PDB file of N, CA and C in Angstrom:
ATOM      1  N   MET A   1     126.752 -12.476 -29.137  1.00  0.00           N
ATOM      2  CA  MET A   1     127.572 -13.255 -28.244  1.00  0.00           C
ATOM      3  C   MET A   1     128.722 -12.358 -27.800  1.00  0.00           C
ATOM      4  N   ALA A   2     129.091 -12.528 -26.551  1.00  0.00           N
ATOM      5  CA  ALA A   2     130.196 -11.752 -25.995  1.00  0.00           C
ATOM      6  C   ALA A   2     130.920 -12.616 -24.965  1.00  0.00           C
ATOM      7  N   ALA A   3     132.171 -12.265 -24.704  1.00  0.00           N
ATOM      8  CA  ALA A   3     132.959 -12.971 -23.693  1.00  0.00           C
ATOM      9  C   ALA A   3     133.478 -11.954 -22.687  1.00  0.00           C
ATOM     10  N   PHE A   4     133.491 -12.349 -21.428  1.00  0.00           N
ATOM     11  CA  PHE A   4     133.923 -11.474 -20.345  1.00  0.00           C
ATOM     12  C   PHE A   4     134.904 -12.213 -19.450  1.00  0.00           C
ATOM     13  N   ALA A   5     135.833 -11.473 -18.885  1.00  0.00           N
ATOM     14  CA  ALA A   5     136.805 -12.067 -17.967  1.00  0.00           C
ATOM     15  C   ALA A   5     136.171 -12.335 -16.605  1.00  0.00           C
ATOM     16  N   GLU A   6     135.188 -11.527 -16.236  1.00  0.00           N
ATOM     17  CA  GLU A   6     134.554 -11.642 -14.924  1.00  0.00           C
ATOM     18  C   GLU A   6     133.058 -11.902 -15.061  1.00  0.00           C
ATOM     19  N   TRP A   7     132.553 -12.802 -14.246  1.00  0.00           N
ATOM     20  CA  TRP A   7     131.136 -13.142 -14.254  1.00  0.00           C
ATOM     21  C   TRP A   7     130.268 -11.926 -13.974  1.00  0.00           C
ATOM     22  N   ASP A   8     130.626 -11.110 -12.983  1.00  0.00           N
ATOM     23  CA  ASP A   8     129.820  -9.935 -12.633  1.00  0.00           C
ATOM     24  C   ASP A   8     129.686  -8.967 -13.797  1.00  0.00           C
ATOM     25  N   GLU A   9     130.751  -8.791 -14.569  1.00  0.00           N
ATOM     26  CA  GLU A   9     130.689  -7.911 -15.745  1.00  0.00           C
ATOM     27  C   GLU A   9     129.678  -8.429 -16.761  1.00  0.00           C
ATOM     28  N   ALA A  10     129.703  -9.724 -17.008  1.00  0.00           N
ATOM     29  CA  ALA A  10     128.771 -10.327 -17.966  1.00  0.00           C
ATOM     30  C   ALA A  10     127.329 -10.185 -17.481  1.00  0.00           C
ATOM     31  N   HIS A  11     127.121 -10.405 -16.203  1.00  0.00           N
ATOM     32  CA  HIS A  11     125.790 -10.315 -15.615  1.00  0.00           C
ATOM     33  C   HIS A  11     125.252  -8.882 -15.724  1.00  0.00           C
ATOM     34  N   GLN A  12     126.062  -7.915 -15.369  1.00  0.00           N
ATOM     35  CA  GLN A  12     125.649  -6.511 -15.460  1.00  0.00           C
ATOM     36  C   GLN A  12     125.377  -6.108 -16.904  1.00  0.00           C
ATOM     37  N   TRP A  13     126.259  -6.531 -17.829  1.00  0.00           N
ATOM     38  CA  TRP A  13     126.081  -6.230 -19.248  1.00  0.00           C
ATOM     39  C   TRP A  13     124.741  -6.777 -19.740  1.00  0.00           C
ATOM     40  N   ALA A  14     124.397  -8.001 -19.339  1.00  0.00           N
ATOM     41  CA  ALA A  14     123.150  -8.614 -19.792  1.00  0.00           C
ATOM     42  C   ALA A  14     121.935  -7.836 -19.313  1.00  0.00           C
ATOM     43  N   HIS A  15     121.954  -7.378 -18.050  1.00  0.00           N
ATOM     44  CA  HIS A  15     120.834  -6.583 -17.543  1.00  0.00           C
ATOM     45  C   HIS A  15     120.698  -5.274 -18.306  1.00  0.00           C
ATOM     46  N   LEU A  16     121.802  -4.600 -18.569  1.00  0.00           N
ATOM     47  CA  LEU A  16     121.744  -3.344 -19.334  1.00  0.00           C
ATOM     48  C   LEU A  16     121.276  -3.591 -20.762  1.00  0.00           C
ATOM     49  N   THR A  17     121.767  -4.640 -21.379  1.00  0.00           N
ATOM     50  CA  THR A  17     121.414  -4.951 -22.757  1.00  0.00           C
ATOM     51  C   THR A  17     119.949  -5.356 -22.879  1.00  0.00           C
ATOM     52  N   ALA A  18     119.418  -6.031 -21.877  1.00  0.00           N
ATOM     53  CA  ALA A  18     118.021  -6.474 -21.896  1.00  0.00           C
ATOM     54  C   ALA A  18     117.044  -5.308 -21.937  1.00  0.00           C
ATOM     55  N   MET A  19     117.463  -4.130 -21.530  1.00  0.00           N
ATOM     56  CA  MET A  19     116.593  -2.953 -21.542  1.00  0.00           C
ATOM     57  C   MET A  19     116.384  -2.388 -22.948  1.00  0.00           C
ATOM     58  N   ASP A  20     117.227  -2.794 -23.898  1.00  0.00           N
ATOM     59  CA  ASP A  20     117.108  -2.326 -25.282  1.00  0.00           C
ATOM     60  C   ASP A  20     115.926  -3.033 -25.949  1.00  0.00           C
ATOM     61  N   ASP A  21     114.982  -2.256 -26.490  1.00  0.00           N
ATOM     62  CA  ASP A  21     113.790  -2.833 -27.123  1.00  0.00           C
ATOM     63  C   ASP A  21     114.114  -3.668 -28.356  1.00  0.00           C
ATOM     64  N   GLN A  22     115.280  -3.480 -28.953  1.00  0.00           N
ATOM     65  CA  GLN A  22     115.670  -4.208 -30.163  1.00  0.00           C
ATOM     66  C   GLN A  22     116.280  -5.578 -29.868  1.00  0.00           C
ATOM     67  N   VAL A  23     116.573  -5.855 -28.610  1.00  0.00           N
ATOM     68  CA  VAL A  23     117.239  -7.103 -28.237  1.00  0.00           C
ATOM     69  C   VAL A  23     116.224  -8.236 -28.159  1.00  0.00           C
ATOM     70  N   ILE A  24     116.607  -9.391 -28.695  1.00  0.00           N
ATOM     71  CA  ILE A  24     115.767 -10.578 -28.613  1.00  0.00           C
ATOM     72  C   ILE A  24     116.029 -11.240 -27.256  1.00  0.00           C
ATOM     73  N   LEU A  25     114.954 -11.407 -26.498  1.00  0.00           N
ATOM     74  CA  LEU A  25     115.061 -11.975 -25.157  1.00  0.00           C
ATOM     75  C   LEU A  25     114.534 -13.396 -25.122  1.00  0.00           C
ATOM     76  N   PRO A  26     114.928 -14.210 -24.178  1.00  0.00           N
ATOM     77  CA  PRO A  26     115.807 -13.894 -23.052  1.00  0.00           C
ATOM     78  C   PRO A  26     117.278 -13.942 -23.446  1.00  0.00           C
ATOM     79  N   LEU A  27     118.085 -13.219 -22.688  1.00  0.00           N
ATOM     80  CA  LEU A  27     119.540 -13.317 -22.792  1.00  0.00           C
ATOM     81  C   LEU A  27     119.987 -14.385 -21.806  1.00  0.00           C
ATOM     82  N   GLU A  28     120.991 -15.140 -22.192  1.00  0.00           N
ATOM     83  CA  GLU A  28     121.526 -16.159 -21.288  1.00  0.00           C
ATOM     84  C   GLU A  28     123.020 -15.950 -21.118  1.00  0.00           C
ATOM     85  N   VAL A  29     123.433 -15.924 -19.856  1.00  0.00           N
ATOM     86  CA  VAL A  29     124.840 -15.756 -19.510  1.00  0.00           C
ATOM     87  C   VAL A  29     125.285 -17.047 -18.828  1.00  0.00           C
ATOM     88  N   GLU A  30     126.263 -17.716 -19.421  1.00  0.00           N
ATOM     89  CA  GLU A  30     126.728 -18.995 -18.887  1.00  0.00           C
ATOM     90  C   GLU A  30     128.032 -18.835 -18.123  1.00  0.00           C
ATOM     91  N   ASP A  31     128.122 -19.538 -17.016  1.00  0.00           N
ATOM     92  CA  ASP A  31     129.380 -19.679 -16.288  1.00  0.00           C
ATOM     93  C   ASP A  31     129.701 -21.165 -16.324  1.00  0.00           C
ATOM     94  N   ARG A  32     130.513 -21.558 -17.285  1.00  0.00           N
ATOM     95  CA  ARG A  32     130.779 -22.983 -17.482  1.00  0.00           C
ATOM     96  C   ARG A  32     131.564 -23.602 -16.337  1.00  0.00           C
ATOM     97  N   SER A  33     132.404 -22.834 -15.682  1.00  0.00           N
ATOM     98  CA  SER A  33     133.175 -23.403 -14.574  1.00  0.00           C
ATOM     99  C   SER A  33     132.278 -23.703 -13.367  1.00  0.00           C
ATOM    100  N   GLN A  34     131.253 -22.876 -13.151  1.00  0.00           N
ATOM    101  CA  GLN A  34     130.322 -23.091 -12.036  1.00  0.00           C
ATOM    102  C   GLN A  34     129.092 -23.892 -12.456  1.00  0.00           C
ATOM    103  N   ARG A  35     128.961 -24.135 -13.761  1.00  0.00           N
ATOM    104  CA  ARG A  35     127.832 -24.871 -14.331  1.00  0.00           C
ATOM    105  C   ARG A  35     126.489 -24.241 -13.963  1.00  0.00           C
ATOM    106  N   ILE A  36     126.416 -22.918 -14.221  1.00  0.00           N
ATOM    107  CA  ILE A  36     125.166 -22.184 -14.014  1.00  0.00           C
ATOM    108  C   ILE A  36     124.920 -21.266 -15.203  1.00  0.00           C
ATOM    109  N   THR A  37     123.661 -20.912 -15.378  1.00  0.00           N
ATOM    110  CA  THR A  37     123.248 -19.957 -16.400  1.00  0.00           C
ATOM    111  C   THR A  37     122.317 -18.955 -15.751  1.00  0.00           C
ATOM    112  N   ARG A  38     122.439 -17.700 -16.155  1.00  0.00           N
ATOM    113  CA  ARG A  38     121.462 -16.680 -15.788  1.00  0.00           C
ATOM    114  C   ARG A  38     120.637 -16.404 -17.031  1.00  0.00           C
ATOM    115  N   ARG A  39     119.319 -16.561 -16.933  1.00  0.00           N
ATOM    116  CA  ARG A  39     118.406 -16.250 -18.035  1.00  0.00           C
ATOM    117  C   ARG A  39     117.728 -14.942 -17.679  1.00  0.00           C
ATOM    118  N   ILE A  40     117.977 -13.917 -18.491  1.00  0.00           N
ATOM    119  CA  ILE A  40     117.571 -12.560 -18.142  1.00  0.00           C
ATOM    120  C   ILE A  40     116.569 -12.015 -19.153  1.00  0.00           C
ATOM    121  N   THR A  41     115.460 -11.477 -18.614  1.00  0.00           N
ATOM    122  CA  THR A  41     114.490 -10.725 -19.405  1.00  0.00           C
ATOM    123  C   THR A  41     114.396  -9.335 -18.788  1.00  0.00           C
ATOM    124  N   ARG A  42     113.487  -8.530 -19.281  1.00  0.00           N
ATOM    125  CA  ARG A  42     113.322  -7.195 -18.681  1.00  0.00           C
ATOM    126  C   ARG A  42     112.737  -7.282 -17.274  1.00  0.00           C
ATOM    127  N   GLU A  43     111.991  -8.360 -17.013  1.00  0.00           N
ATOM    128  CA  GLU A  43     111.314  -8.498 -15.724  1.00  0.00           C
ATOM    129  C   GLU A  43     111.972  -9.492 -14.777  1.00  0.00           C
ATOM    130  N   THR A  44     112.742 -10.444 -15.300  1.00  0.00           N
ATOM    131  CA  THR A  44     113.243 -11.522 -14.452  1.00  0.00           C
ATOM    132  C   THR A  44     114.738 -11.774 -14.645  1.00  0.00           C
ATOM    133  N   CYS A  45     115.303 -12.426 -13.643  1.00  0.00           N
ATOM    134  CA  CYS A  45     116.686 -12.910 -13.697  1.00  0.00           C
ATOM    135  C   CYS A  45     116.678 -14.270 -13.010  1.00  0.00           C
ATOM    136  N   GLU A  46     116.657 -15.328 -13.823  1.00  0.00           N
ATOM    137  CA  GLU A  46     116.572 -16.682 -13.288  1.00  0.00           C
ATOM    138  C   GLU A  46     117.960 -17.296 -13.191  1.00  0.00           C
ATOM    139  N   LEU A  47     118.202 -18.021 -12.133  1.00  0.00           N
ATOM    140  CA  LEU A  47     119.433 -18.786 -11.970  1.00  0.00           C
ATOM    141  C   LEU A  47     119.123 -20.238 -12.295  1.00  0.00           C
ATOM    142  N   ILE A  48     119.860 -20.798 -13.247  1.00  0.00           N
ATOM    143  CA  ILE A  48     119.645 -22.179 -13.670  1.00  0.00           C
ATOM    144  C   ILE A  48     120.906 -22.969 -13.365  1.00  0.00           C
ATOM    145  N   ALA A  49     120.784 -23.950 -12.498  1.00  0.00           N
ATOM    146  CA  ALA A  49     121.910 -24.830 -12.175  1.00  0.00           C
ATOM    147  C   ALA A  49     121.856 -26.019 -13.119  1.00  0.00           C
ATOM    148  N   TRP A  50     122.974 -26.325 -13.738  1.00  0.00           N
ATOM    149  CA  TRP A  50     123.028 -27.421 -14.704  1.00  0.00           C
ATOM    150  C   TRP A  50     122.956 -28.753 -13.975  1.00  0.00           C
ATOM    151  N   THR A  51     122.350 -29.709 -14.607  1.00  0.00           N
ATOM    152  CA  THR A  51     122.290 -31.069 -14.082  1.00  0.00           C
ATOM    153  C   THR A  51     123.614 -31.759 -14.334  1.00  0.00           C
ATOM    154  N   ILE A  52     124.112 -32.447 -13.349  1.00  0.00           N
ATOM    155  CA  ILE A  52     125.331 -33.231 -13.520  1.00  0.00           C
ATOM    156  C   ILE A  52     124.897 -34.650 -13.842  1.00  0.00           C
ATOM    157  N   PHE A  53     125.263 -35.107 -15.028  1.00  0.00           N
ATOM    158  CA  PHE A  53     124.866 -36.439 -15.452  1.00  0.00           C
ATOM    159  C   PHE A  53     125.758 -37.483 -14.803  1.00  0.00           C
ATOM    160  N   THR A  54     125.155 -38.591 -14.472  1.00  0.00           N
ATOM    161  CA  THR A  54     125.867 -39.690 -13.844  1.00  0.00           C
ATOM    162  C   THR A  54     125.830 -40.890 -14.772  1.00  0.00           C
ATOM    163  N   LYS A  55     126.954 -41.550 -14.892  1.00  0.00           N
ATOM    164  CA  LYS A  55     127.006 -42.766 -15.690  1.00  0.00           C
ATOM    165  C   LYS A  55     126.312 -43.870 -14.906  1.00  0.00           C
ATOM    166  N   ILE A  56     125.345 -44.500 -15.543  1.00  0.00           N
ATOM    167  CA  ILE A  56     124.593 -45.575 -14.909  1.00  0.00           C
ATOM    168  C   ILE A  56     125.028 -46.880 -15.549  1.00  0.00           C
ATOM    169  N   SER A  57     125.260 -47.885 -14.726  1.00  0.00           N
ATOM    170  CA  SER A  57     125.731 -49.158 -15.265  1.00  0.00           C
ATOM    171  C   SER A  57     124.700 -49.753 -16.197  1.00  0.00           C
ATOM    172  N   GLY A  58     125.188 -50.516 -17.160  1.00  0.00           N
ATOM    173  CA  GLY A  58     124.314 -51.144 -18.148  1.00  0.00           C
ATOM    174  C   GLY A  58     124.312 -52.645 -17.956  1.00  0.00           C
ATOM    175  N   CYS A  59     124.646 -53.358 -19.008  1.00  0.00           N
ATOM    176  CA  CYS A  59     124.655 -54.821 -18.986  1.00  0.00           C
ATOM    177  C   CYS A  59     125.872 -55.342 -18.228  1.00  0.00           C
ATOM    178  N   PRO A  60     125.754 -56.541 -17.666  1.00  0.00           N
ATOM    179  CA  PRO A  60     126.919 -57.151 -17.016  1.00  0.00           C
ATOM    180  C   PRO A  60     127.965 -57.514 -18.068  1.00  0.00           C
ATOM    181  N   PRO A  61     129.213 -57.682 -17.690  1.00  0.00           N
ATOM    182  CA  PRO A  61     130.250 -58.049 -18.653  1.00  0.00           C
ATOM    183  C   PRO A  61     129.898 -59.358 -19.353  1.00  0.00           C
ATOM    184  N   THR A  62     130.263 -59.458 -20.623  1.00  0.00           N
ATOM    185  CA  THR A  62     129.957 -60.662 -21.394  1.00  0.00           C
ATOM    186  C   THR A  62     131.103 -61.649 -21.297  1.00  0.00           C
ATOM    187  N   GLU A  63     130.782 -62.907 -21.610  1.00  0.00           N
ATOM    188  CA  GLU A  63     131.816 -63.931 -21.642  1.00  0.00           C
ATOM    189  C   GLU A  63     132.715 -63.683 -22.851  1.00  0.00           C
ATOM    190  N   SER A  64     133.899 -64.268 -22.829  1.00  0.00           N
ATOM    191  CA  SER A  64     134.837 -64.037 -23.922  1.00  0.00           C
ATOM    192  C   SER A  64     134.352 -64.640 -25.236  1.00  0.00           C
ATOM    193  N   GLU A  65     133.659 -65.761 -25.183  1.00  0.00           N
ATOM    194  CA  GLU A  65     133.136 -66.412 -26.387  1.00  0.00           C
ATOM    195  C   GLU A  65     131.622 -66.221 -26.454  1.00  0.00           C
ATOM    196  N   PRO A  66     131.108 -65.684 -27.559  1.00  0.00           N
ATOM    197  CA  PRO A  66     129.663 -65.525 -27.660  1.00  0.00           C
ATOM    198  C   PRO A  66     128.973 -66.881 -27.747  1.00  0.00           C
ATOM    199  N   ARG A  67     127.800 -66.992 -27.114  1.00  0.00           N
ATOM    200  CA  ARG A  67     127.040 -68.250 -27.123  1.00  0.00           C
ATOM    201  C   ARG A  67     126.108 -68.339 -28.326  1.00  0.00           C
ATOM    202  N   ILE A  68     125.761 -67.219 -28.909  1.00  0.00           N
ATOM    203  CA  ILE A  68     124.824 -67.194 -30.020  1.00  0.00           C
ATOM    204  C   ILE A  68     125.626 -66.955 -31.298  1.00  0.00           C
ATOM    205  N   ALA A  69     125.308 -67.724 -32.317  1.00  0.00           N
ATOM    206  CA  ALA A  69     126.010 -67.567 -33.592  1.00  0.00           C
ATOM    207  C   ALA A  69     125.609 -66.258 -34.236  1.00  0.00           C
ATOM    208  N   PRO A  70     126.529 -65.606 -34.946  1.00  0.00           N
ATOM    209  CA  PRO A  70     126.182 -64.348 -35.623  1.00  0.00           C
ATOM    210  C   PRO A  70     125.083 -64.568 -36.659  1.00  0.00           C
ATOM    211  N   TYR A  71     124.333 -63.524 -36.926  1.00  0.00           N
ATOM    212  CA  TYR A  71     123.229 -63.591 -37.886  1.00  0.00           C
ATOM    213  C   TYR A  71     123.766 -63.810 -39.299  1.00  0.00           C
ATOM    214  N   THR A  72     123.150 -64.727 -40.016  1.00  0.00           N
ATOM    215  CA  THR A  72     123.476 -64.936 -41.432  1.00  0.00           C
ATOM    216  C   THR A  72     122.154 -64.960 -42.202  1.00  0.00           C
ATOM    217  N   PRO A  73     122.010 -64.104 -43.188  1.00  0.00           N
ATOM    218  CA  PRO A  73     120.754 -64.059 -43.940  1.00  0.00           C
ATOM    219  C   PRO A  73     120.519 -65.357 -44.711  1.00  0.00           C
ATOM    220  N   ARG A  74     119.263 -65.744 -44.816  1.00  0.00           N
ATOM    221  CA  ARG A  74     118.912 -66.936 -45.579  1.00  0.00           C
ATOM    222  C   ARG A  74     118.930 -66.598 -47.060  1.00  0.00           C
ATOM    223  N   GLY A  75     119.440 -67.492 -47.849  1.00  0.00           N
ATOM    224  CA  GLY A  75     119.603 -67.174 -49.243  1.00  0.00           C
ATOM    225  C   GLY A  75     118.844 -68.009 -50.103  1.00  0.00           C
TER     226      GLY A  75
END
C-alpha cells in the first residue's frame, strides 16, 4: 500500500510496479474524491467508476399508536 499526493504519480507508479514479476496482480489505485479505481495488470489498465448508491424509500410512516399488540410467548 502506498499514498500519493497526485493521482498521476500513483498511476505511473502502479504501471512501473506491475512490471515486477514478484508483484501480485492486479494492482488497484483508488481516487476516492473522484470515486474511480484503476485496476492495472501487465497487459491492461481498466477504469472502474464507482456506483453511487441511492436511498430508496421503504415503508410509509407508521401511526403513533401501534394497532397490533406486542408478541407475548405462551406459557
